[in-house]
Amino acid sequence: MLVAVRSESSYRLTEARNCLSYIRSIEIPPPEREPDVVYTLRGLYYVQLYAAWEYSIENAVQATLRAINSHGIEKRHYVHSTLSWVLHPEFSSLSMVGPEKRWRKRKELLDSMNSNDSAQIGDSIFSSEMQNVWPETIRDVIMYLGISTPAIPEENFGGYIHEVVDKRNAVAHGRLSPKQVGITRSSELEKRLEAIEHTVAHIFFILEEHVNNRSFLKPNTP
């Protein structure tokens, strides 16, 4: 299910690791002052690392939704915790109706929970949330998919990932220059990289397990 995503994710994370190795090779131990270019490269590293993180998570979630959708399962078979996205078209329709049709649409939405119609699930329904993949973002999406396993495997990983997202945004949106952000030395950047590597591998595992075990469906679903 995630073969192509896993391969590209691995390639991008390897690129990030190689870049970090180069940064480490040009760092100068304190108390000597480092050239400005070292600070700049460390600041830009947050942009590269975040890009690998966002690609991995967004594409893994999309592949999961495509795999679920490919089975053409009737809406009535999905567990309650998944209905916020299984019934996405119905929720969207309800939000756009005028007062005169509101009650009818509400009844139609409730009826659709027990419908024999196959769910039509777009793989991009979470795309707007994935524009900034904070730890809270992936925790929420994993919960919406009906997965109870924690999305972030180690508590301290959440703080490292939050920092990567925040500093990437600061550089990418011009709030801070790469040089200003790049005060963190390679030994600390390594911890951010490892947090993302381990979290990506963990999320790939729980998504594949979720689909293979059909945990999004009610018991005894044919």
Protein backbone atom coordinates (compact mmCIF):
# COMPACT_ATOMS: atom_id res chain seq x y z
CA MET A 1 0.00 0.00 0.00
CA LEU A 2 2.78 2.43 0.89
CA VAL A 3 5.57 1.01 -1.27
CA ALA A 4 5.99 4.08 -3.50
CA VAL A 5 5.52 6.55 -0.64
CA ARG A 6 7.95 4.64 1.56
CA SER A 7 10.59 4.64 -1.18
CA GLU A 8 10.34 8.37 -1.91
CA SER A 9 10.18 9.21 1.79
CA SER A 10 13.35 7.21 2.42
CA TYR A 11 15.10 9.01 -0.44
CA ARG A 12 14.15 12.44 0.91
CA LEU A 13 15.14 11.63 4.47
CA THR A 14 18.45 10.26 3.22
CA GLU A 15 19.01 13.55 1.39
CA ALA A 16 18.35 15.36 4.66
CA ARG A 17 20.81 13.12 6.51
CA ASN A 18 23.49 13.68 3.85
CA CYS A 19 22.96 17.43 4.06
CA LEU A 20 23.30 17.29 7.84
CA SER A 21 26.56 15.37 7.47
CA TYR A 22 27.92 18.13 5.28
CA ILE A 23 26.85 20.81 7.75
CA ARG A 24 28.61 18.87 10.52
CA SER A 25 31.79 18.72 8.44
CA ILE A 26 32.01 22.52 8.10
CA GLU A 27 31.05 23.47 11.65
CA ILE A 28 33.75 25.01 13.81
CA PRO A 29 33.89 24.07 17.51
CA PRO A 30 33.37 26.89 20.00
CA PRO A 31 34.72 29.32 21.03
CA GLU A 32 35.75 30.03 17.41
CA ARG A 33 33.13 32.02 15.49
CA GLU A 34 31.60 30.19 12.56
CA PRO A 35 31.16 31.77 9.11
CA ASP A 36 27.70 33.15 8.35
CA VAL A 37 27.17 30.48 5.68
CA VAL A 38 27.16 27.76 8.37
CA TYR A 39 24.34 29.51 10.20
CA THR A 40 22.47 29.96 6.92
CA LEU A 41 22.76 26.31 5.94
CA ARG A 42 21.55 25.18 9.36
CA GLY A 43 18.55 27.52 9.04
CA LEU A 44 17.74 26.21 5.56
CA TYR A 45 18.02 22.67 6.88
CA TYR A 46 14.72 23.14 8.70
CA VAL A 47 13.04 23.79 5.33
CA GLN A 48 14.48 20.62 3.81
CA LEU A 49 13.64 18.47 6.80
CA TYR A 50 10.09 19.78 7.00
CA ALA A 51 9.56 19.12 3.28
CA ALA A 52 10.48 15.45 3.78
CA TRP A 53 8.15 15.28 6.79
CA GLU A 54 5.16 16.84 5.01
CA TYR A 55 5.63 14.70 1.90
CA SER A 56 5.79 11.50 3.95
CA ILE A 57 2.73 12.18 6.08
CA GLU A 58 0.44 13.70 3.47
CA ASN A 59 1.14 11.03 0.86
CA ALA A 60 0.83 8.19 3.37
CA VAL A 61 -2.60 9.44 4.45
CA GLN A 62 -3.70 9.84 0.82
CA ALA A 63 -2.54 6.30 -0.02
CA THR A 64 -4.45 4.99 3.00
CA LEU A 65 -7.66 6.69 1.88
CA ARG A 66 -7.24 5.32 -1.64
CA ALA A 67 -6.74 1.81 -0.28
CA ILE A 68 -9.87 2.06 1.86
CA ASN A 69 -11.91 3.56 -0.97
CA SER A 70 -10.83 0.84 -3.43
CA HIS A 71 -12.89 -1.77 -1.55
CA GLY A 72 -16.19 0.01 -2.31
CA ILE A 73 -17.52 -0.66 1.18
CA GLU A 74 -21.06 0.33 2.12
CA LYS A 75 -21.35 3.28 4.49
CA ARG A 76 -23.27 1.29 7.08
CA HIS A 77 -20.23 -0.90 7.73
CA TYR A 78 -17.86 1.85 8.88
CA VAL A 79 -17.22 2.31 12.60
CA HIS A 80 -18.61 5.45 14.18
CA SER A 81 -15.20 7.09 14.68
CA THR A 82 -14.63 7.24 10.90
CA LEU A 83 -17.92 8.86 9.89
CA SER A 84 -16.58 12.43 9.95
CA TRP A 85 -14.74 11.67 6.68
CA VAL A 86 -16.77 8.75 5.35
CA LEU A 87 -19.77 11.12 5.24
CA HIS A 88 -17.72 14.10 4.08
CA PRO A 89 -19.97 14.79 1.03
CA GLU A 90 -23.06 14.77 3.23
CA PHE A 91 -21.52 17.11 5.80
CA SER A 92 -20.40 19.46 3.02
CA SER A 93 -23.88 19.46 1.49
CA LEU A 94 -25.47 20.21 4.86
CA SER A 95 -23.24 23.21 5.40
CA MET A 96 -24.37 24.81 2.14
CA VAL A 97 -28.17 24.49 2.34
CA GLY A 98 -30.58 27.25 3.25
CA PRO A 99 -32.93 27.19 6.27
CA GLU A 100 -35.79 25.74 4.25
CA LYS A 101 -33.87 22.49 3.55
CA ARG A 102 -31.86 22.24 6.75
CA TRP A 103 -34.01 19.65 8.53
CA ARG A 104 -34.39 17.48 5.44
CA LYS A 105 -30.64 17.47 4.93
CA ARG A 106 -30.07 16.57 8.57
CA LYS A 107 -32.35 13.57 8.21
CA GLU A 108 -30.62 12.55 4.98
CA LEU A 109 -27.26 12.72 6.72
CA LEU A 110 -28.44 10.50 9.57
CA ASP A 111 -30.02 8.07 7.11
CA SER A 112 -26.76 7.85 5.18
CA MET A 113 -25.04 6.36 8.24
CA ASN A 114 -26.97 3.15 7.58
CA SER A 115 -26.89 3.39 3.81
CA ASN A 116 -26.16 0.47 1.49
CA ASP A 117 -24.40 2.87 -0.86
CA SER A 118 -20.64 2.58 -1.15
CA ALA A 119 -18.67 5.38 0.45
CA GLN A 120 -16.93 7.64 -2.05
CA ILE A 121 -13.85 8.90 -0.28
CA GLY A 122 -11.57 11.43 -1.92
CA ASP A 123 -7.90 11.03 -1.08
CA SER A 124 -7.42 14.79 -0.66
CA ILE A 125 -10.06 15.45 2.01
CA PHE A 126 -7.35 16.28 4.58
CA SER A 127 -5.15 18.27 2.21
CA SER A 128 -5.97 21.65 3.71
CA GLU A 129 -4.95 20.37 7.15
CA MET A 130 -1.69 19.04 5.69
CA GLN A 131 -0.38 22.44 4.63
CA ASN A 132 1.29 22.62 8.03
CA VAL A 133 1.81 19.19 9.57
CA TRP A 134 2.16 20.04 13.25
CA PRO A 135 2.23 17.17 15.76
CA GLU A 136 -1.36 18.12 16.64
CA THR A 137 -2.31 17.82 12.96
CA ILE A 138 -1.20 14.24 12.54
CA ARG A 139 -2.61 13.28 15.95
CA ASP A 140 -6.01 14.58 14.83
CA VAL A 141 -5.91 12.91 11.40
CA ILE A 142 -4.90 9.57 12.88
CA MET A 143 -7.81 9.88 15.33
CA TYR A 144 -10.24 10.78 12.51
CA LEU A 145 -9.15 7.65 10.63
CA GLY A 146 -10.29 5.61 13.62
CA ILE A 147 -6.83 4.65 14.88
CA SER A 148 -6.37 4.61 18.65
CA THR A 149 -2.58 4.09 18.60
CA PRO A 150 -0.75 7.35 19.41
CA ALA A 151 0.53 9.05 16.28
CA ILE A 152 3.75 10.27 17.91
CA PRO A 153 5.67 7.27 19.29
CA GLU A 154 7.77 9.16 21.87
CA GLU A 155 6.60 12.15 23.91
CA ASN A 156 9.72 14.24 23.25
CA PHE A 157 9.39 13.72 19.49
CA GLY A 158 6.39 16.04 19.46
CA GLY A 159 8.47 18.96 20.72
CA TYR A 160 11.19 18.37 18.13
CA ILE A 161 8.67 18.14 15.27
CA HIS A 162 6.88 21.27 16.49
CA GLU A 163 10.19 23.12 16.36
CA VAL A 164 10.88 21.93 12.81
CA VAL A 165 7.49 23.12 11.60
CA ASP A 166 7.75 26.43 13.41
CA LYS A 167 11.26 27.28 12.22
CA ARG A 168 10.53 26.15 8.68
CA ASN A 169 7.55 28.53 8.64
CA ALA A 170 9.67 31.33 10.05
CA VAL A 171 12.20 30.95 7.21
CA ALA A 172 9.76 30.09 4.39
CA HIS A 173 7.41 32.98 5.19
CA GLY A 174 10.16 35.51 5.85
CA ARG A 175 9.62 36.11 9.57
CA LEU A 176 13.24 35.19 10.23
CA SER A 177 16.28 34.75 8.02
CA PRO A 178 17.98 31.33 7.74
CA LYS A 179 20.97 32.81 9.52
CA GLN A 180 18.82 33.85 12.50
CA VAL A 181 17.26 30.39 12.73
CA GLY A 182 20.52 28.51 12.21
CA ILE A 183 21.95 28.77 15.72
CA THR A 184 21.19 25.10 16.45
CA ARG A 185 24.26 22.94 15.92
CA SER A 186 24.28 19.67 13.98
CA SER A 187 24.29 17.49 17.13
CA GLU A 188 20.89 18.97 18.04
CA LEU A 189 19.60 18.93 14.47
CA GLU A 190 20.36 15.20 14.47
CA LYS A 191 17.77 14.75 17.24
CA ARG A 192 15.14 16.51 15.11
CA LEU A 193 15.97 14.31 12.14
CA GLU A 194 15.77 11.12 14.20
CA ALA A 195 12.44 12.19 15.70
CA ILE A 196 11.00 12.64 12.22
CA GLU A 197 12.52 9.40 10.88
CA HIS A 198 11.11 7.34 13.73
CA THR A 199 7.71 9.05 13.64
CA VAL A 200 7.35 8.58 9.88
CA ALA A 201 8.21 4.87 10.19
CA HIS A 202 5.72 4.53 13.06
CA ILE A 203 2.92 6.24 11.15
CA PHE A 204 3.55 4.10 8.06
CA PHE A 205 3.25 1.02 10.27
CA ILE A 206 0.00 1.98 12.00
CA LEU A 207 -1.64 3.07 8.73
CA GLU A 208 -0.78 -0.22 7.00
CA GLU A 209 -1.90 -2.20 10.04
CA HIS A 210 -5.18 -0.25 10.10
CA VAL A 211 -5.93 -1.09 6.48
CA ASN A 212 -4.73 -4.71 6.63
CA ASN A 213 -6.79 -5.40 9.78
CA ARG A 214 -9.80 -3.50 8.40
CA SER A 215 -10.05 -1.72 11.75
CA PHE A 216 -12.19 1.01 10.19
CA LEU A 217 -15.07 -1.44 9.79
CA LYS A 218 -17.58 -2.84 12.23
CA PRO A 219 -17.01 -6.40 13.44
CA ASN A 220 -18.30 -9.17 11.15
CA THR A 221 -18.38 -6.91 8.09
CA PRO A 222 -18.22 -9.21 5.04
